[in-house]
Amino acid sequence: YLSFKKKFKLAVSLEIKRNATGHIVDLSGVSALMLDWLTRRYKLNYTILQVNDSVLEPGSSKSHPGLISYVVNGKCDVIMAAIRLSPDRFRHLDFIHPWMYARSAFLIPMPGESKTNILAVVKPFHYWVWIALIASLLAVILTLFYFSQVHDLPLDVSKLKLGSQQQFQQPAVKSISVKEVVTYVLGTLLNQGGRFSINGANTFKIRFVTGTWCLVTLVLVNVYNGILISYVTSNPREKPLVESPDDLLANANIHLVVEKGQGADFIFSTAESGMFKALGDKLRAYPRSRCTATDQCIDLVKSQPSQHVYFNTRVVLLDVMRQDARKTGQCNLIQAAESYSDNTAFCWGLTKNSPYTEKFNRGVMSMREMGLVGLWERWHEPDVRPCFPKSHHNNKKTKTKKTKKKKTLVRLTLTNLNGAFVVLAIGYLLSFLVFIREKISLHFK
């Protein structure tokens, strides 16, 4: 006899289809395929025990006693679900070899597009490139100014005889001012060009430095202009509600929500130390933290203002994101802080000292060795790639297939160009200050 939740949310594990009268007409998912393989391999028959329960732990309610109670009371042999291991569950159940490993994450609202794009003008280059560019700019200015001040003794010097003394008179050479050097270097960098007069014996050195600088600016300006358009036409998104568990714990205005009686609620509520204990305290401090259904948790996450994050395994969150995207036609939800959790093992639960434990263990290990479980997981894992900036899937077929999509033209708005207008305003301000300074200088002369 098999038992499972009436409303199963983990589509990767098991998805149940019922008719209008509530009877099961089809089972799909990894657990269903595993069950079919095990029954064929060991020639077993099974009967499904339909129960109206969605909580694992034994409860005091007669109408919802908990799935584990059916195993303890001998009404079923196996709970076909993705059950997280815990010491309390070990007291009631025997577990087969884990068939699935999954990370946990937070489900948060999709960050909206930022209304400002000021930093678009500096994003084409890494900050180390900007530092190197500024250092090169100063080095070129100092080098040109130094070469303009140091003059070698020319070959056609004039010799003047005064009495018994012979003096050498060097023709006067006009030096380049700092203003001319700065104007030329900046003008070349901004693709405006420039000129200054070269006199003396250091003309080759000066021309070599200016030629090198022109070549560098030619490359930098063209690379910058080519990359700039991609940052101008794409509006960055705002900062996510949380990026790590520490962000959630540090902000008292952000609330954690979980499904009542499920794995996350059980682990956080029973933890006695560490981060899980802190998350459990956060659950207890907010009366609406425990939802009776997944849809209720999702409604809290999507409510305004955004103050709720939903915690569950990654495969559950992917299914929630897929269902919401199909329902609304857009991506309203996104995962966060997935990298902060470890892989959690999930198993089936059997009665204590069950005669099927050894067979199921061998069968699950054989299926994993042959790669069947991993293949079935990829078959049934929800496809929500459009909601991710980078694909989180490992399906090689989807990576190799390149679909040609017609590029839509993007119309520039003031939001796209506000960074350029800020730079323009700064330039106008500096020009006005220089103009005022010149007027003041002329007034006092």
Foldseek 3Di string as FASTA:
>chain_A
DEEEELDDLLQQQWDFDADPVSDTDDIDHLLVVLVVVLCVVVVDDDDYDYAHEDFAAADDDPNHRHPLVCQQVPVDFWYRDFAFDDPVVVVFWDWFFFLDWFFKFKKFWDFAFDLALQCLLVPLDDVVVVVVVVVVLVVLLVQLQVLQVDADQDPPWDWDDDPPDIDTDGDDDDGDDSVQSNCQLVCLLVVNHHDDDDDHDCPVVNVVSVVVSNVVSVVVVVSSVVSSVVSLLDTHGDDTCDAALVSVLVDLQAAEAEEPNGDLQVQLCPDDDDSSVSNVVRCVVDPRRYDPDPVVLVCQSQDPPRRYMYMDTPQSVLSVQLVVCVVPVDGTMDTHHRVVTGITTTTMTGGPPDPCRVSSNVSSVVCVVVVNSVVSSLVRRHDPQVNDPHDPDDDVVVVPDDDDDDDDDGDGDCSSCVNVVVVVVVVVVVVVVVVVVVVVVVVVD
